[in-house]
Amino acid sequence: MISAIMLLLSACGSESSSGGSGGETIKWKFGHLADENHIWHKTAEKFAESVKEKTDGQIEITIYPNNQLGGETDTINSIKAGTADMVISGETMANWSPKAALMAVPYAFRDADHLQKVVEGDIGKEIEKEIKEKVGLTPLYYHTRAPRNLTSNKPISKPEDLNGFSMRVPNVPLFLDAWKAAGAKPQVMDFNEVFTGLQQNVIDGQENPVDLIHSGGLYEVQDYVNETEHVYSWIYILVGNEQYESLSDENKKAVQEAAKEAQQYGKELFDKEIEEYEQKLKDEGMKFNEVDQDAFREAMKPAIKESLSEEQYELYEKILEVE
C-alpha cells in the first residue's frame, strides 16, 4: 500500500531536474501576447503537442496567450525568476542583448527573402549566441513577421504628416528615436494597453504587422493602415537556458525536432494567412494607404546611425550587404 502511494506521488511530481526520467513530468509555462487565433499561438500548440508526443509525455507545455503571464518583458523576468519557462520575443530583448536590436532596425531588410538569409545565416547565429549568453534564453524556432505598418485615423503618406502625431511604440529605444526623427511623438506602452490608449485618445496611432493589428482588434479604433513597411523582422520562441539545460540529451533532441517541425508549420501558416489578414482588415473597414517609403527611410537614417553603437552599426551594415 505504502509503495503504491509512493509510486503515485512520484508520478505526480513536476519540474523534474533529471530531464523527465523516473516518470516525472516537466511542466513548462509558455506566455505570449497574441490571441488564440494567431499564427504564433496555433504554431505553439502544434509545438507543445509534438514535444509531448516525442518525449512520451515527459514534457508538458501549457500555453498562456493574450499576455496572461504579463507583457513580454514581465514574462522574460518571470523566466529568470523560475515562475515561467517560455516566451515569444524579438527586439525587446535588446534591453539585455544589444545585437537583438538588429532584429528590427527600420529599413534594414529589403524583403522577406533578404530577412530569411540573414536569420538562417551567420548573422542570425551571432544574434542567437548573444541572446543565450546575455538574456539567458535559448531560441528554439522563429517566425518571420509581416512588415510593420503605421495605423492612424487620418492618412499619413509622408513624414510631414506626422507633425503632432502621438503614437505607441514597443519598449525599443531605436523605435522611439526613429519615429522622433521622422516627426512623430512616440511613447512606450505595453501592447495590452494599446487598444484602450487609442480608444481614449491617449495616443493617435501605433505601428505593428497586420496580424497583430487584427488580433488586437485595432480596426475598431483605427481607420487607416499606412503602408510604411518600415520594419521587416522576426521573432523567436525561447525557453530559459536553465530549463533547457536541465533536460536529458534525449529530451533536448526531441524539443529540437519539434521546433524544426513547428518552424515549417508556422511558415506555411504565415504565407497563407498574411494575405487573409489584410483582407480581414479591409473587410472591417480599414483603408490601406500608400506612402512614400523612401522619404520615411531618409528621415529615419540619422536616428539609426545615432542610436546604434559602433558594434551594432557594423552589424547593420553587414545586414545591408547580404545578397
Protein backbone atom coordinates (compact mmCIF):
# COMPACT_ATOMS: atom_id res chain seq x y z
CA MET A 1 0.00 0.00 0.00
CA ILE A 2 2.74 2.44 1.04
CA SER A 3 4.85 1.65 -2.03
CA ALA A 4 1.78 2.18 -4.23
CA ILE A 5 1.22 5.62 -2.67
CA MET A 6 4.91 6.50 -3.09
CA LEU A 7 4.72 5.49 -6.76
CA LEU A 8 1.62 7.62 -7.25
CA LEU A 9 3.28 10.64 -5.62
CA SER A 10 6.40 10.37 -7.76
CA ALA A 11 4.24 10.16 -10.90
CA CYS A 12 2.51 13.40 -9.92
CA GLY A 13 5.76 15.30 -9.40
CA SER A 14 6.67 18.14 -11.74
CA GLU A 15 9.69 20.30 -12.59
CA SER A 16 11.92 17.27 -12.73
CA SER A 17 15.56 18.26 -12.80
CA SER A 18 16.55 14.91 -14.17
CA GLY A 19 15.05 15.67 -17.56
CA GLY A 20 11.92 13.62 -17.17
CA SER A 21 13.42 10.36 -16.01
CA GLY A 22 11.70 8.25 -13.41
CA GLY A 23 8.21 9.01 -14.70
CA GLU A 24 8.20 12.61 -13.52
CA THR A 25 6.63 15.27 -15.70
CA ILE A 26 8.37 18.52 -16.58
CA LYS A 27 5.82 21.30 -16.85
CA TRP A 28 6.66 24.42 -18.83
CA LYS A 29 4.60 27.61 -18.83
CA PHE A 30 4.68 29.41 -22.18
CA GLY A 31 3.36 33.00 -22.29
CA HIS A 32 2.89 35.25 -25.35
CA LEU A 33 1.00 38.37 -26.38
CA ALA A 34 -1.13 37.18 -29.33
CA ASP A 35 -4.66 35.77 -29.22
CA GLU A 36 -5.77 32.14 -29.72
CA ASN A 37 -6.42 32.60 -33.46
CA HIS A 38 -2.96 33.98 -34.17
CA ILE A 39 -0.27 32.12 -36.14
CA TRP A 40 2.07 32.18 -33.12
CA HIS A 41 -0.49 30.51 -30.90
CA LYS A 42 -1.50 27.85 -33.44
CA THR A 43 2.16 27.02 -34.06
CA ALA A 44 2.86 26.98 -30.30
CA GLU A 45 0.03 24.45 -29.84
CA LYS A 46 1.50 22.28 -32.59
CA PHE A 47 4.94 22.54 -30.94
CA ALA A 48 3.56 21.62 -27.49
CA GLU A 49 1.71 18.58 -28.93
CA SER A 50 4.81 17.47 -30.76
CA VAL A 51 7.04 17.85 -27.67
CA LYS A 52 4.61 15.83 -25.56
CA GLU A 53 4.47 13.11 -28.18
CA LYS A 54 8.23 12.95 -28.81
CA THR A 55 9.06 12.83 -25.08
CA ASP A 56 6.31 10.26 -24.28
CA GLY A 57 4.55 12.82 -22.12
CA GLN A 58 7.66 13.71 -20.09
CA ILE A 59 7.42 17.41 -21.07
CA GLU A 60 4.07 19.18 -20.89
CA ILE A 61 3.83 22.74 -22.17
CA THR A 62 0.87 24.91 -21.15
CA ILE A 63 0.37 27.97 -23.34
CA TYR A 64 -0.90 31.29 -21.98
CA PRO A 65 -1.90 33.66 -24.82
CA ASN A 66 -3.12 37.28 -24.53
CA ASN A 67 -0.40 38.39 -22.08
CA GLN A 68 -1.89 36.16 -19.36
CA LEU A 69 1.56 35.88 -17.77
CA GLY A 70 2.15 39.64 -18.23
CA GLY A 71 3.77 41.56 -21.09
CA GLU A 72 6.86 40.36 -22.95
CA THR A 73 9.35 41.93 -20.52
CA ASP A 74 7.39 40.62 -17.50
CA THR A 75 7.44 37.10 -18.91
CA ILE A 76 11.19 37.25 -19.59
CA ASN A 77 11.71 38.36 -15.98
CA SER A 78 9.43 35.55 -14.79
CA ILE A 79 11.54 33.02 -16.71
CA LYS A 80 14.65 34.39 -14.99
CA ALA A 81 12.83 34.05 -11.65
CA GLY A 82 11.72 30.50 -12.50
CA THR A 83 7.95 31.16 -12.48
CA ALA A 84 7.59 30.87 -16.28
CA ASP A 85 9.59 28.92 -18.86
CA MET A 86 8.90 30.05 -22.43
CA VAL A 87 8.14 33.29 -24.26
CA ILE A 88 7.90 34.75 -27.76
CA SER A 89 10.18 37.77 -28.04
CA GLY A 90 12.16 39.80 -30.52
CA GLU A 91 13.76 43.23 -30.42
CA THR A 92 12.50 43.77 -26.85
CA MET A 93 15.46 41.59 -25.83
CA ALA A 94 17.78 44.43 -26.91
CA ASN A 95 17.31 45.70 -23.34
CA TRP A 96 19.69 42.84 -22.40
CA SER A 97 21.32 41.83 -25.68
CA PRO A 98 22.47 44.76 -27.88
CA LYS A 99 22.60 42.60 -31.02
CA ALA A 100 18.90 41.72 -30.64
CA ALA A 101 18.16 45.34 -31.61
CA LEU A 102 19.18 44.35 -35.15
CA MET A 103 16.14 42.08 -35.33
CA ALA A 104 14.03 45.13 -36.08
CA VAL A 105 16.04 48.08 -37.37
CA PRO A 106 13.87 50.32 -39.57
CA TYR A 107 14.51 49.71 -43.26
CA ALA A 108 17.37 47.23 -42.62
CA PHE A 109 15.68 44.43 -44.57
CA ARG A 110 14.60 44.79 -48.18
CA ASP A 111 12.04 41.98 -48.17
CA ALA A 112 11.17 38.58 -46.69
CA ASP A 113 13.87 36.71 -48.69
CA HIS A 114 16.61 39.05 -47.51
CA LEU A 115 15.39 38.57 -43.94
CA GLN A 116 15.42 34.76 -44.16
CA LYS A 117 19.01 34.74 -45.50
CA VAL A 118 20.13 36.87 -42.55
CA VAL A 119 18.29 34.89 -39.85
CA GLU A 120 19.43 31.49 -41.09
CA GLY A 121 22.98 32.62 -41.87
CA ASP A 122 25.99 33.70 -39.79
CA ILE A 123 24.43 36.96 -38.59
CA GLY A 124 21.43 35.08 -37.19
CA LYS A 125 23.75 32.67 -35.36
CA GLU A 126 25.69 35.59 -33.91
CA ILE A 127 22.47 37.16 -32.58
CA GLU A 128 21.23 33.83 -31.15
CA LYS A 129 24.53 33.28 -29.34
CA GLU A 130 24.32 36.67 -27.64
CA ILE A 131 20.66 36.14 -26.64
CA LYS A 132 21.67 32.88 -25.00
CA GLU A 133 24.58 34.49 -23.15
CA LYS A 134 23.03 37.81 -22.15
CA VAL A 135 19.28 37.23 -21.89
CA GLY A 136 19.55 33.69 -20.53
CA LEU A 137 17.15 32.30 -23.14
CA THR A 138 17.64 29.62 -25.80
CA PRO A 139 15.99 30.27 -29.21
CA LEU A 140 14.11 27.19 -30.43
CA TYR A 141 12.44 28.36 -33.66
CA TYR A 142 11.40 31.67 -35.20
CA HIS A 143 8.54 33.36 -37.01
CA THR A 144 9.01 35.81 -39.84
CA ARG A 145 6.76 38.78 -39.17
CA ALA A 146 4.66 40.68 -41.65
CA PRO A 147 6.17 44.15 -42.13
CA ARG A 148 5.24 46.75 -39.52
CA ASN A 149 2.81 49.40 -40.71
CA LEU A 150 1.60 52.59 -39.09
CA THR A 151 -2.11 52.82 -38.18
CA SER A 152 -4.00 56.09 -37.70
CA ASN A 153 -7.34 57.83 -38.07
CA LYS A 154 -6.11 60.12 -40.85
CA PRO A 155 -3.99 59.12 -43.83
CA ILE A 156 -0.25 59.53 -43.29
CA SER A 157 1.65 59.48 -46.58
CA LYS A 158 4.89 61.32 -45.83
CA PRO A 159 6.90 62.27 -42.72
CA GLU A 160 5.43 65.81 -42.70
CA ASP A 161 2.02 64.26 -41.92
CA LEU A 162 3.39 63.10 -38.55
CA ASN A 163 3.53 66.59 -37.08
CA GLY A 164 1.96 66.40 -33.58
CA PHE A 165 1.08 62.72 -34.09
CA SER A 166 1.26 60.83 -30.78
CA MET A 167 1.93 57.11 -31.20
CA ARG A 168 2.73 53.96 -29.26
CA VAL A 169 5.97 52.08 -29.84
CA PRO A 170 7.21 48.96 -28.02
CA ASN A 171 9.99 49.27 -25.45
CA VAL A 172 12.73 49.62 -28.10
CA PRO A 173 14.82 52.81 -27.83
CA LEU A 174 15.62 52.69 -31.56
CA PHE A 175 11.92 52.83 -32.45
CA LEU A 176 11.49 55.88 -30.24
CA ASP A 177 14.42 57.64 -31.88
CA ALA A 178 13.47 56.70 -35.45
CA TRP A 179 9.88 57.91 -35.11
CA LYS A 180 11.00 61.11 -33.37
CA ALA A 181 13.39 61.75 -36.26
CA ALA A 182 10.51 61.22 -38.70
CA GLY A 183 8.47 63.89 -36.85
CA ALA A 184 6.11 61.93 -34.58
CA LYS A 185 5.65 61.98 -30.79
CA PRO A 186 6.30 58.33 -29.85
CA GLN A 187 5.80 56.83 -26.39
CA VAL A 188 6.44 53.37 -24.94
CA MET A 189 3.42 51.32 -23.95
CA ASP A 190 2.77 47.58 -23.49
CA PHE A 191 0.72 46.05 -26.32
CA ASN A 192 -2.09 45.09 -23.92
CA GLU A 193 -2.66 48.82 -23.21
CA VAL A 194 -2.75 49.97 -26.85
CA PHE A 195 -6.46 49.41 -27.59
CA THR A 196 -7.58 51.45 -24.56
CA GLY A 197 -4.94 54.10 -25.30
CA LEU A 198 -6.36 54.58 -28.80
CA GLN A 199 -9.96 54.42 -27.59
CA GLN A 200 -9.31 57.14 -25.00
CA ASN A 201 -7.21 59.26 -27.39
CA VAL A 202 -4.13 58.94 -25.17
CA ILE A 203 -2.37 58.12 -28.47
CA ASP A 204 -3.32 58.80 -32.11
CA GLY A 205 -1.79 55.68 -33.61
CA GLN A 206 0.61 52.75 -33.34
CA GLU A 207 2.68 50.52 -35.61
CA ASN A 208 2.50 46.75 -35.95
CA PRO A 209 2.21 43.97 -38.54
CA VAL A 210 -1.28 43.31 -39.96
CA ASP A 211 -1.76 40.11 -37.93
CA LEU A 212 -1.32 41.93 -34.62
CA ILE A 213 -3.40 44.89 -35.82
CA HIS A 214 -6.15 42.34 -36.39
CA SER A 215 -5.71 40.18 -33.28
CA GLY A 216 -5.54 43.32 -31.13
CA GLY A 217 -8.91 44.44 -32.57
CA LEU A 218 -7.34 47.77 -33.56
CA TYR A 219 -9.67 48.05 -36.59
CA GLU A 220 -12.32 49.09 -34.07
CA VAL A 221 -10.36 52.21 -33.09
CA GLN A 222 -8.24 52.98 -36.21
CA ASP A 223 -9.24 53.82 -39.80
CA TYR A 224 -6.01 53.59 -41.79
CA VAL A 225 -3.16 51.17 -42.35
CA ASN A 226 -0.39 53.35 -43.77
CA GLU A 227 1.94 51.06 -45.72
CA THR A 228 5.24 52.30 -44.33
CA GLU A 229 6.61 48.71 -44.18
CA HIS A 230 9.34 50.29 -42.06
CA VAL A 231 10.38 47.10 -40.29
CA TYR A 232 10.71 43.58 -41.62
CA SER A 233 11.62 41.46 -38.64
CA TRP A 234 11.45 38.08 -36.99
CA ILE A 235 10.63 36.87 -33.53
CA TYR A 236 11.99 33.90 -31.56
CA ILE A 237 10.26 31.25 -29.50
CA LEU A 238 12.53 30.89 -26.48
CA VAL A 239 12.97 28.74 -23.41
CA GLY A 240 15.01 29.60 -20.31
CA ASN A 241 18.60 28.30 -20.55
CA GLU A 242 18.30 26.57 -17.17
CA GLN A 243 15.07 24.83 -18.13
CA TYR A 244 16.58 23.66 -21.41
CA GLU A 245 19.93 22.63 -19.98
CA SER A 246 18.28 20.53 -17.25
CA LEU A 247 16.79 18.22 -19.90
CA SER A 248 18.29 14.84 -20.75
CA ASP A 249 20.06 14.68 -24.14
CA GLU A 250 17.18 12.60 -25.44
CA ASN A 251 14.59 15.22 -24.45
CA LYS A 252 16.74 18.07 -25.82
CA LYS A 253 16.80 16.26 -29.15
CA ALA A 254 13.01 15.79 -29.02
CA VAL A 255 12.48 19.51 -28.30
CA GLN A 256 14.77 20.46 -31.21
CA GLU A 257 12.96 18.10 -33.59
CA ALA A 258 9.58 19.50 -32.52
CA ALA A 259 10.96 23.04 -33.01
CA LYS A 260 12.05 22.20 -36.57
CA GLU A 261 8.57 20.91 -37.38
CA ALA A 262 6.94 23.97 -35.79
CA GLN A 263 9.22 26.21 -37.88
CA GLN A 264 7.93 24.66 -41.10
CA TYR A 265 4.30 24.61 -39.94
CA GLY A 266 4.50 28.28 -38.90
CA LYS A 267 5.93 29.29 -42.29
CA GLU A 268 3.12 27.56 -44.18
CA LEU A 269 0.51 29.26 -41.98
CA PHE A 270 2.24 32.63 -42.36
CA ASP A 271 2.35 32.58 -46.15
CA LYS A 272 -1.34 31.74 -46.35
CA GLU A 273 -2.64 33.95 -43.57
CA ILE A 274 -0.91 37.30 -44.09
CA GLU A 275 -2.93 37.98 -47.24
CA GLU A 276 -6.05 36.90 -45.37
CA TYR A 277 -5.31 39.33 -42.51
CA GLU A 278 -5.02 42.23 -44.96
CA GLN A 279 -8.38 41.27 -46.43
CA LYS A 280 -9.94 40.92 -42.96
CA LEU A 281 -8.80 44.43 -42.02
CA LYS A 282 -10.26 45.79 -45.27
CA ASP A 283 -13.50 43.93 -44.54
CA GLU A 284 -13.58 45.59 -41.10
CA GLY A 285 -13.42 48.95 -42.89
CA MET A 286 -9.71 49.84 -42.64
CA LYS A 287 -8.25 51.65 -45.65
CA PHE A 288 -4.74 50.80 -46.86
CA ASN A 289 -2.84 53.95 -47.71
CA GLU A 290 0.26 54.02 -49.93
CA VAL A 291 3.15 56.04 -48.53
CA ASP A 292 6.44 57.49 -49.72
CA GLN A 293 8.69 54.83 -48.15
CA ASP A 294 11.89 56.47 -49.42
CA ALA A 295 11.01 59.67 -47.58
CA PHE A 296 10.48 57.73 -44.33
CA ARG A 297 13.72 55.79 -44.89
CA GLU A 298 15.69 59.02 -45.33
CA ALA A 299 14.01 60.67 -42.34
CA MET A 300 14.92 57.75 -40.06
CA LYS A 301 18.51 57.21 -41.28
CA PRO A 302 20.23 59.76 -38.99
CA ALA A 303 18.44 58.33 -35.93
CA ILE A 304 19.56 54.80 -36.85
CA LYS A 305 23.20 55.86 -37.13
CA GLU A 306 22.99 57.81 -33.87
CA SER A 307 21.07 55.17 -31.91
CA LEU A 308 23.19 52.17 -32.77
CA SER A 309 26.50 51.59 -31.05
CA GLU A 310 29.57 51.12 -33.24
CA GLU A 311 29.23 47.33 -32.93
CA GLN A 312 25.50 47.41 -33.75
CA TYR A 313 26.03 49.73 -36.73
CA GLU A 314 28.69 47.38 -38.13
CA LEU A 315 26.19 44.52 -37.89
CA TYR A 316 23.53 46.72 -39.54
CA GLU A 317 25.89 47.42 -42.46
CA LYS A 318 26.64 43.68 -42.74
CA ILE A 319 22.89 43.02 -42.96
CA LEU A 320 22.51 45.57 -45.78
CA GLU A 321 25.29 43.77 -47.70
CA VAL A 322 23.68 40.30 -47.57
CA GLU A 323 22.63 39.40 -51.08
